[in-house]
Amino acid sequence: MAWVGFVLCLCGGLGAIVKGRRGALTWWEREVYHMTARSNVRFGIFYLALAGLFALALAGLPLPAVPLLAAAVVAGILYVSSFARGAGDE
């Protein structure tokens, strides 16, 4: 589980940072969810911090991988729902 969480958080964090650096927001992101490019970067940093926790779990620290993975999945669902809703409209 720690490997899955590490890869998921690493990819999600880097993807969010790249999206934030591009700065191109959809109408749903801007008007409905009031997101900014900075919001994407902040989420990316949060996800990279979770990836760091997974890395510590992989290194042998007694961190529970399943609750960390649950937190990562919930955070990912909340983040993706902020721009996925409008993806079909644009």
PDB file of N, CA and C in Angstrom:
ATOM      1  N   MET A   1       0.810  -1.195   0.000  1.00  0.00           N
ATOM      2  CA  MET A   1       0.000   0.000   0.000  1.00  0.00           C
ATOM      3  C   MET A   1       0.859   1.266   0.000  1.00  0.00           C
ATOM      4  N   ALA A   2       1.993   1.206   0.663  1.00  0.00           N
ATOM      5  CA  ALA A   2       2.855   2.387   0.728  1.00  0.00           C
ATOM      6  C   ALA A   2       3.394   2.739  -0.658  1.00  0.00           C
ATOM      7  N   TRP A   3       3.727   1.730  -1.451  1.00  0.00           N
ATOM      8  CA  TRP A   3       4.215   2.013  -2.809  1.00  0.00           C
ATOM      9  C   TRP A   3       3.130   2.652  -3.661  1.00  0.00           C
ATOM     10  N   VAL A   4       1.925   2.121  -3.559  1.00  0.00           N
ATOM     11  CA  VAL A   4       0.803   2.669  -4.332  1.00  0.00           C
ATOM     12  C   VAL A   4       0.562   4.128  -3.933  1.00  0.00           C
ATOM     13  N   GLY A   5       0.537   4.394  -2.639  1.00  0.00           N
ATOM     14  CA  GLY A   5       0.328   5.751  -2.163  1.00  0.00           C
ATOM     15  C   GLY A   5       1.444   6.689  -2.580  1.00  0.00           C
ATOM     16  N   PHE A   6       2.678   6.204  -2.527  1.00  0.00           N
ATOM     17  CA  PHE A   6       3.815   7.036  -2.916  1.00  0.00           C
ATOM     18  C   PHE A   6       3.720   7.441  -4.379  1.00  0.00           C
ATOM     19  N   VAL A   7       3.462   6.486  -5.244  1.00  0.00           N
ATOM     20  CA  VAL A   7       3.377   6.774  -6.681  1.00  0.00           C
ATOM     21  C   VAL A   7       2.176   7.672  -6.973  1.00  0.00           C
ATOM     22  N   LEU A   8       1.039   7.370  -6.357  1.00  0.00           N
ATOM     23  CA  LEU A   8      -0.161   8.175  -6.562  1.00  0.00           C
ATOM     24  C   LEU A   8       0.075   9.627  -6.140  1.00  0.00           C
ATOM     25  N   CYS A   9       0.645   9.820  -4.969  1.00  0.00           N
ATOM     26  CA  CYS A   9       0.869  11.180  -4.461  1.00  0.00           C
ATOM     27  C   CYS A   9       1.948  11.913  -5.246  1.00  0.00           C
ATOM     28  N   LEU A  10       2.972  11.197  -5.652  1.00  0.00           N
ATOM     29  CA  LEU A  10       4.030  11.831  -6.432  1.00  0.00           C
ATOM     30  C   LEU A  10       3.495  12.316  -7.779  1.00  0.00           C
ATOM     31  N   CYS A  11       2.763  11.460  -8.467  1.00  0.00           N
ATOM     32  CA  CYS A  11       2.189  11.852  -9.764  1.00  0.00           C
ATOM     33  C   CYS A  11       1.142  12.942  -9.597  1.00  0.00           C
ATOM     34  N   GLY A  12       0.270  12.808  -8.601  1.00  0.00           N
ATOM     35  CA  GLY A  12      -0.763  13.815  -8.369  1.00  0.00           C
ATOM     36  C   GLY A  12      -0.180  15.161  -7.994  1.00  0.00           C
ATOM     37  N   GLY A  13       0.832  15.149  -7.147  1.00  0.00           N
ATOM     38  CA  GLY A  13       1.454  16.403  -6.726  1.00  0.00           C
ATOM     39  C   GLY A  13       2.152  17.115  -7.863  1.00  0.00           C
ATOM     40  N   LEU A  14       2.919  16.366  -8.638  1.00  0.00           N
ATOM     41  CA  LEU A  14       3.614  16.973  -9.774  1.00  0.00           C
ATOM     42  C   LEU A  14       2.626  17.468 -10.824  1.00  0.00           C
ATOM     43  N   GLY A  15       1.565  16.691 -11.053  1.00  0.00           N
ATOM     44  CA  GLY A  15       0.541  17.113 -12.007  1.00  0.00           C
ATOM     45  C   GLY A  15      -0.164  18.384 -11.581  1.00  0.00           C
ATOM     46  N   ALA A  16      -0.465  18.505 -10.289  1.00  0.00           N
ATOM     47  CA  ALA A  16      -1.133  19.705  -9.790  1.00  0.00           C
ATOM     48  C   ALA A  16      -0.218  20.924  -9.884  1.00  0.00           C
ATOM     49  N   ILE A  17       1.051  20.736  -9.615  1.00  0.00           N
ATOM     50  CA  ILE A  17       1.990  21.856  -9.707  1.00  0.00           C
ATOM     51  C   ILE A  17       2.134  22.312 -11.159  1.00  0.00           C
ATOM     52  N   VAL A  18       2.221  21.355 -12.079  1.00  0.00           N
ATOM     53  CA  VAL A  18       2.303  21.712 -13.500  1.00  0.00           C
ATOM     54  C   VAL A  18       1.039  22.445 -13.930  1.00  0.00           C
ATOM     55  N   LYS A  19      -0.124  21.963 -13.496  1.00  0.00           N
ATOM     56  CA  LYS A  19      -1.387  22.630 -13.839  1.00  0.00           C
ATOM     57  C   LYS A  19      -1.426  24.039 -13.259  1.00  0.00           C
ATOM     58  N   GLY A  20      -0.930  24.203 -12.051  1.00  0.00           N
ATOM     59  CA  GLY A  20      -0.907  25.522 -11.436  1.00  0.00           C
ATOM     60  C   GLY A  20       0.055  26.473 -12.131  1.00  0.00           C
ATOM     61  N   ARG A  21       1.165  25.958 -12.616  1.00  0.00           N
ATOM     62  CA  ARG A  21       2.141  26.803 -13.311  1.00  0.00           C
ATOM     63  C   ARG A  21       1.640  27.234 -14.679  1.00  0.00           C
ATOM     64  N   ARG A  22       0.809  26.389 -15.305  1.00  0.00           N
ATOM     65  CA  ARG A  22       0.239  26.767 -16.602  1.00  0.00           C
ATOM     66  C   ARG A  22      -0.720  27.928 -16.460  1.00  0.00           C
ATOM     67  N   GLY A  23      -1.482  27.920 -15.376  1.00  0.00           N
ATOM     68  CA  GLY A  23      -2.380  29.029 -15.093  1.00  0.00           C
ATOM     69  C   GLY A  23      -3.680  29.028 -15.874  1.00  0.00           C
ATOM     70  N   ALA A  24      -3.893  28.114 -16.791  1.00  0.00           N
ATOM     71  CA  ALA A  24      -5.124  28.068 -17.572  1.00  0.00           C
ATOM     72  C   ALA A  24      -6.207  27.364 -16.759  1.00  0.00           C
ATOM     73  N   LEU A  25      -7.183  28.137 -16.298  1.00  0.00           N
ATOM     74  CA  LEU A  25      -8.260  27.574 -15.492  1.00  0.00           C
ATOM     75  C   LEU A  25      -9.544  27.526 -16.311  1.00  0.00           C
ATOM     76  N   THR A  26     -10.352  26.523 -16.046  1.00  0.00           N
ATOM     77  CA  THR A  26     -11.647  26.434 -16.715  1.00  0.00           C
ATOM     78  C   THR A  26     -12.628  27.373 -16.024  1.00  0.00           C
ATOM     79  N   TRP A  27     -13.765  27.568 -16.665  1.00  0.00           N
ATOM     80  CA  TRP A  27     -14.794  28.411 -16.080  1.00  0.00           C
ATOM     81  C   TRP A  27     -15.245  27.850 -14.741  1.00  0.00           C
ATOM     82  N   TRP A  28     -15.401  26.530 -14.663  1.00  0.00           N
ATOM     83  CA  TRP A  28     -15.843  25.894 -13.412  1.00  0.00           C
ATOM     84  C   TRP A  28     -14.836  26.141 -12.295  1.00  0.00           C
ATOM     85  N   GLU A  29     -13.572  26.033 -12.603  1.00  0.00           N
ATOM     86  CA  GLU A  29     -12.546  26.271 -11.590  1.00  0.00           C
ATOM     87  C   GLU A  29     -12.603  27.703 -11.072  1.00  0.00           C
ATOM     88  N   ARG A  30     -12.705  28.659 -11.999  1.00  0.00           N
ATOM     89  CA  ARG A  30     -12.684  30.069 -11.626  1.00  0.00           C
ATOM     90  C   ARG A  30     -13.969  30.518 -10.942  1.00  0.00           C
ATOM     91  N   GLU A  31     -15.086  30.267 -11.576  1.00  0.00           N
ATOM     92  CA  GLU A  31     -16.350  30.865 -11.153  1.00  0.00           C
ATOM     93  C   GLU A  31     -17.107  30.041 -10.110  1.00  0.00           C
ATOM     94  N   VAL A  32     -17.095  28.731 -10.227  1.00  0.00           N
ATOM     95  CA  VAL A  32     -17.878  27.897  -9.309  1.00  0.00           C
ATOM     96  C   VAL A  32     -17.071  27.532  -8.075  1.00  0.00           C
ATOM     97  N   TYR A  33     -15.828  27.057  -8.289  1.00  0.00           N
ATOM     98  CA  TYR A  33     -15.024  26.585  -7.160  1.00  0.00           C
ATOM     99  C   TYR A  33     -14.033  27.629  -6.651  1.00  0.00           C
ATOM    100  N   HIS A  34     -13.970  28.778  -7.297  1.00  0.00           N
ATOM    101  CA  HIS A  34     -13.102  29.888  -6.888  1.00  0.00           C
ATOM    102  C   HIS A  34     -11.650  29.457  -6.690  1.00  0.00           C
ATOM    103  N   MET A  35     -11.171  28.641  -7.607  1.00  0.00           N
ATOM    104  CA  MET A  35      -9.782  28.205  -7.562  1.00  0.00           C
ATOM    105  C   MET A  35      -8.913  29.189  -8.331  1.00  0.00           C
ATOM    106  N   THR A  36      -7.653  29.204  -7.969  1.00  0.00           N
ATOM    107  CA  THR A  36      -6.666  30.004  -8.686  1.00  0.00           C
ATOM    108  C   THR A  36      -5.505  29.073  -9.041  1.00  0.00           C
ATOM    109  N   ALA A  37      -4.562  29.593  -9.787  1.00  0.00           N
ATOM    110  CA  ALA A  37      -3.371  28.797 -10.089  1.00  0.00           C
ATOM    111  C   ALA A  37      -2.648  28.449  -8.790  1.00  0.00           C
ATOM    112  N   ARG A  38      -2.693  29.349  -7.845  1.00  0.00           N
ATOM    113  CA  ARG A  38      -2.059  29.111  -6.548  1.00  0.00           C
ATOM    114  C   ARG A  38      -2.730  27.946  -5.808  1.00  0.00           C
ATOM    115  N   SER A  39      -4.045  27.782  -5.972  1.00  0.00           N
ATOM    116  CA  SER A  39      -4.750  26.659  -5.349  1.00  0.00           C
ATOM    117  C   SER A  39      -4.196  25.330  -5.847  1.00  0.00           C
ATOM    118  N   ASN A  40      -3.941  25.259  -7.155  1.00  0.00           N
ATOM    119  CA  ASN A  40      -3.380  24.038  -7.722  1.00  0.00           C
ATOM    120  C   ASN A  40      -1.991  23.751  -7.154  1.00  0.00           C
ATOM    121  N   VAL A  41      -1.167  24.781  -7.046  1.00  0.00           N
ATOM    122  CA  VAL A  41       0.187  24.596  -6.514  1.00  0.00           C
ATOM    123  C   VAL A  41       0.125  24.164  -5.052  1.00  0.00           C
ATOM    124  N   ARG A  42      -0.769  24.755  -4.289  1.00  0.00           N
ATOM    125  CA  ARG A  42      -0.908  24.362  -2.879  1.00  0.00           C
ATOM    126  C   ARG A  42      -1.328  22.905  -2.749  1.00  0.00           C
ATOM    127  N   PHE A  43      -2.258  22.473  -3.581  1.00  0.00           N
ATOM    128  CA  PHE A  43      -2.645  21.075  -3.549  1.00  0.00           C
ATOM    129  C   PHE A  43      -1.458  20.192  -3.916  1.00  0.00           C
ATOM    130  N   GLY A  44      -0.688  20.607  -4.910  1.00  0.00           N
ATOM    131  CA  GLY A  44       0.487  19.833  -5.306  1.00  0.00           C
ATOM    132  C   GLY A  44       1.484  19.695  -4.173  1.00  0.00           C
ATOM    133  N   ILE A  45       1.696  20.763  -3.430  1.00  0.00           N
ATOM    134  CA  ILE A  45       2.609  20.707  -2.288  1.00  0.00           C
ATOM    135  C   ILE A  45       2.063  19.769  -1.216  1.00  0.00           C
ATOM    136  N   PHE A  46       0.756  19.836  -0.968  1.00  0.00           N
ATOM    137  CA  PHE A  46       0.140  18.925   0.003  1.00  0.00           C
ATOM    138  C   PHE A  46       0.338  17.471  -0.417  1.00  0.00           C
ATOM    139  N   TYR A  47       0.102  17.201  -1.691  1.00  0.00           N
ATOM    140  CA  TYR A  47       0.251  15.830  -2.180  1.00  0.00           C
ATOM    141  C   TYR A  47       1.708  15.368  -2.127  1.00  0.00           C
ATOM    142  N   LEU A  48       2.643  16.260  -2.407  1.00  0.00           N
ATOM    143  CA  LEU A  48       4.055  15.888  -2.300  1.00  0.00           C
ATOM    144  C   LEU A  48       4.445  15.637  -0.842  1.00  0.00           C
ATOM    145  N   ALA A  49       3.838  16.359   0.090  1.00  0.00           N
ATOM    146  CA  ALA A  49       4.080  16.092   1.509  1.00  0.00           C
ATOM    147  C   ALA A  49       3.551  14.707   1.885  1.00  0.00           C
ATOM    148  N   LEU A  50       2.388  14.339   1.359  1.00  0.00           N
ATOM    149  CA  LEU A  50       1.881  12.978   1.582  1.00  0.00           C
ATOM    150  C   LEU A  50       2.814  11.937   0.967  1.00  0.00           C
ATOM    151  N   ALA A  51       3.368  12.242  -0.197  1.00  0.00           N
ATOM    152  CA  ALA A  51       4.336  11.331  -0.813  1.00  0.00           C
ATOM    153  C   ALA A  51       5.541  11.160   0.090  1.00  0.00           C
ATOM    154  N   GLY A  52       5.957  12.239   0.749  1.00  0.00           N
ATOM    155  CA  GLY A  52       7.056  12.145   1.703  1.00  0.00           C
ATOM    156  C   GLY A  52       6.725  11.243   2.875  1.00  0.00           C
ATOM    157  N   LEU A  53       5.489  11.318   3.357  1.00  0.00           N
ATOM    158  CA  LEU A  53       5.082  10.419   4.441  1.00  0.00           C
ATOM    159  C   LEU A  53       5.096   8.965   3.981  1.00  0.00           C
ATOM    160  N   PHE A  54       4.655   8.724   2.762  1.00  0.00           N
ATOM    161  CA  PHE A  54       4.709   7.362   2.228  1.00  0.00           C
ATOM    162  C   PHE A  54       6.156   6.898   2.084  1.00  0.00           C
ATOM    163  N   ALA A  55       7.039   7.800   1.685  1.00  0.00           N
ATOM    164  CA  ALA A  55       8.458   7.452   1.577  1.00  0.00           C
ATOM    165  C   ALA A  55       9.027   7.083   2.941  1.00  0.00           C
ATOM    166  N   LEU A  56       8.617   7.814   3.978  1.00  0.00           N
ATOM    167  CA  LEU A  56       9.058   7.467   5.331  1.00  0.00           C
ATOM    168  C   LEU A  56       8.527   6.103   5.754  1.00  0.00           C
ATOM    169  N   ALA A  57       7.296   5.794   5.370  1.00  0.00           N
ATOM    170  CA  ALA A  57       6.736   4.471   5.668  1.00  0.00           C
ATOM    171  C   ALA A  57       7.518   3.378   4.936  1.00  0.00           C
ATOM    172  N   LEU A  58       7.916   3.669   3.704  1.00  0.00           N
ATOM    173  CA  LEU A  58       8.714   2.706   2.943  1.00  0.00           C
ATOM    174  C   LEU A  58      10.098   2.528   3.554  1.00  0.00           C
ATOM    175  N   ALA A  59      10.606   3.579   4.197  1.00  0.00           N
ATOM    176  CA  ALA A  59      11.933   3.527   4.814  1.00  0.00           C
ATOM    177  C   ALA A  59      11.919   2.771   6.142  1.00  0.00           C
ATOM    178  N   GLY A  60      10.742   2.424   6.620  1.00  0.00           N
ATOM    179  CA  GLY A  60      10.674   1.617   7.823  1.00  0.00           C
ATOM    180  C   GLY A  60      10.049   2.287   9.027  1.00  0.00           C
ATOM    181  N   LEU A  61       9.680   3.555   8.932  1.00  0.00           N
ATOM    182  CA  LEU A  61       9.001   4.200  10.052  1.00  0.00           C
ATOM    183  C   LEU A  61       7.608   3.605  10.209  1.00  0.00           C
ATOM    184  N   PRO A  62       7.146   3.446  11.422  1.00  0.00           N
ATOM    185  CA  PRO A  62       5.838   2.804  11.640  1.00  0.00           C
ATOM    186  C   PRO A  62       4.669   3.757  11.369  1.00  0.00           C
ATOM    187  N   LEU A  63       4.511   4.151  10.125  1.00  0.00           N
ATOM    188  CA  LEU A  63       3.381   4.986   9.723  1.00  0.00           C
ATOM    189  C   LEU A  63       2.333   4.091   9.073  1.00  0.00           C
ATOM    190  N   PRO A  64       1.055   4.273   9.404  1.00  0.00           N
ATOM    191  CA  PRO A  64      -0.001   3.436   8.819  1.00  0.00           C
ATOM    192  C   PRO A  64      -0.280   3.823   7.361  1.00  0.00           C
ATOM    193  N   ALA A  65      -0.009   2.927   6.458  1.00  0.00           N
ATOM    194  CA  ALA A  65      -0.135   3.231   5.028  1.00  0.00           C
ATOM    195  C   ALA A  65      -1.590   3.332   4.589  1.00  0.00           C
ATOM    196  N   VAL A  66      -2.464   2.506   5.138  1.00  0.00           N
ATOM    197  CA  VAL A  66      -3.854   2.500   4.669  1.00  0.00           C
ATOM    198  C   VAL A  66      -4.577   3.809   5.009  1.00  0.00           C
ATOM    199  N   PRO A  67      -4.478   4.341   6.240  1.00  0.00           N
ATOM    200  CA  PRO A  67      -5.116   5.643   6.490  1.00  0.00           C
ATOM    201  C   PRO A  67      -4.500   6.779   5.663  1.00  0.00           C
ATOM    202  N   LEU A  68      -3.192   6.727   5.436  1.00  0.00           N
ATOM    203  CA  LEU A  68      -2.574   7.733   4.575  1.00  0.00           C
ATOM    204  C   LEU A  68      -3.104   7.634   3.152  1.00  0.00           C
ATOM    205  N   LEU A  69      -3.277   6.407   2.679  1.00  0.00           N
ATOM    206  CA  LEU A  69      -3.810   6.209   1.336  1.00  0.00           C
ATOM    207  C   LEU A  69      -5.256   6.698   1.258  1.00  0.00           C
ATOM    208  N   ALA A  70      -6.035   6.466   2.308  1.00  0.00           N
ATOM    209  CA  ALA A  70      -7.418   6.954   2.328  1.00  0.00           C
ATOM    210  C   ALA A  70      -7.445   8.475   2.265  1.00  0.00           C
ATOM    211  N   ALA A  71      -6.565   9.132   3.022  1.00  0.00           N
ATOM    212  CA  ALA A  71      -6.498  10.597   2.991  1.00  0.00           C
ATOM    213  C   ALA A  71      -6.093  11.082   1.606  1.00  0.00           C
ATOM    214  N   ALA A  72      -5.165  10.389   0.966  1.00  0.00           N
ATOM    215  CA  ALA A  72      -4.726  10.773  -0.377  1.00  0.00           C
ATOM    216  C   ALA A  72      -5.855  10.625  -1.388  1.00  0.00           C
ATOM    217  N   VAL A  73      -6.622   9.553  -1.289  1.00  0.00           N
ATOM    218  CA  VAL A  73      -7.718   9.322  -2.233  1.00  0.00           C
ATOM    219  C   VAL A  73      -8.818  10.366  -2.044  1.00  0.00           C
ATOM    220  N   VAL A  74      -9.180  10.653  -0.802  1.00  0.00           N
ATOM    221  CA  VAL A  74     -10.212  11.668  -0.556  1.00  0.00           C
ATOM    222  C   VAL A  74      -9.756  13.036  -1.057  1.00  0.00           C
ATOM    223  N   ALA A  75      -8.520  13.401  -0.768  1.00  0.00           N
ATOM    224  CA  ALA A  75      -7.994  14.687  -1.242  1.00  0.00           C
ATOM    225  C   ALA A  75      -7.975  14.719  -2.766  1.00  0.00           C
ATOM    226  N   GLY A  76      -7.611  13.621  -3.386  1.00  0.00           N
ATOM    227  CA  GLY A  76      -7.598  13.554  -4.847  1.00  0.00           C
ATOM    228  C   GLY A  76      -8.985  13.698  -5.446  1.00  0.00           C
ATOM    229  N   ILE A  77      -9.973  13.067  -4.834  1.00  0.00           N
ATOM    230  CA  ILE A  77     -11.349  13.178  -5.333  1.00  0.00           C
ATOM    231  C   ILE A  77     -11.827  14.622  -5.224  1.00  0.00           C
ATOM    232  N   LEU A  78     -11.553  15.262  -4.107  1.00  0.00           N
ATOM    233  CA  LEU A  78     -11.962  16.661  -3.939  1.00  0.00           C
ATOM    234  C   LEU A  78     -11.269  17.568  -4.949  1.00  0.00           C
ATOM    235  N   TYR A  79     -10.008  17.312  -5.201  1.00  0.00           N
ATOM    236  CA  TYR A  79      -9.263  18.143  -6.148  1.00  0.00           C
ATOM    237  C   TYR A  79      -9.752  17.927  -7.574  1.00  0.00           C
ATOM    238  N   VAL A  80      -9.861  16.687  -7.996  1.00  0.00           N
ATOM    239  CA  VAL A  80     -10.266  16.390  -9.374  1.00  0.00           C
ATOM    240  C   VAL A  80     -11.697  16.852  -9.634  1.00  0.00           C
ATOM    241  N   SER A  81     -12.564  16.755  -8.633  1.00  0.00           N
ATOM    242  CA  SER A  81     -13.947  17.186  -8.844  1.00  0.00           C
ATOM    243  C   SER A  81     -14.041  18.690  -9.073  1.00  0.00           C
ATOM    244  N   SER A  82     -13.021  19.437  -8.689  1.00  0.00           N
ATOM    245  CA  SER A  82     -13.059  20.886  -8.868  1.00  0.00           C
ATOM    246  C   SER A  82     -12.893  21.299 -10.318  1.00  0.00           C
ATOM    247  N   PHE A  83     -12.326  20.459 -11.157  1.00  0.00           N
ATOM    248  CA  PHE A  83     -12.213  20.844 -12.566  1.00  0.00           C
ATOM    249  C   PHE A  83     -12.766  19.799 -13.517  1.00  0.00           C
ATOM    250  N   ALA A  84     -13.067  18.607 -13.052  1.00  0.00           N
ATOM    251  CA  ALA A  84     -13.581  17.565 -13.935  1.00  0.00           C
ATOM    252  C   ALA A  84     -15.022  17.853 -14.354  1.00  0.00           C
ATOM    253  N   ARG A  85     -15.760  18.514 -13.497  1.00  0.00           N
ATOM    254  CA  ARG A  85     -17.169  18.796 -13.809  1.00  0.00           C
ATOM    255  C   ARG A  85     -17.306  19.630 -15.065  1.00  0.00           C
ATOM    256  N   GLY A  86     -16.441  20.588 -15.245  1.00  0.00           N
ATOM    257  CA  GLY A  86     -16.544  21.465 -16.409  1.00  0.00           C
ATOM    258  C   GLY A  86     -15.773  20.985 -17.611  1.00  0.00           C
ATOM    259  N   ALA A  87     -15.089  19.850 -17.526  1.00  0.00           N
ATOM    260  CA  ALA A  87     -14.254  19.387 -18.634  1.00  0.00           C
ATOM    261  C   ALA A  87     -15.083  19.096 -19.882  1.00  0.00           C
ATOM    262  N   GLY A  88     -16.292  18.621 -19.728  1.00  0.00           N
ATOM    263  CA  GLY A  88     -17.114  18.318 -20.881  1.00  0.00           C
ATOM    264  C   GLY A  88     -17.754  19.544 -21.510  1.00  0.00           C
ATOM    265  N   ASP A  89     -17.818  20.630 -20.758  1.00  0.00           N
ATOM    266  CA  ASP A  89     -18.479  21.845 -21.251  1.00  0.00           C
ATOM    267  C   ASP A  89     -17.560  22.713 -22.094  1.00  0.00           C
ATOM    268  N   GLU A  90     -16.262  22.528 -21.963  1.00  0.00           N
ATOM    269  CA  GLU A  90     -15.345  23.426 -22.669  1.00  0.00           C
ATOM    270  C   GLU A  90     -14.660  22.753 -23.819  1.00  0.00           C
TER     271      GLU A  90
END
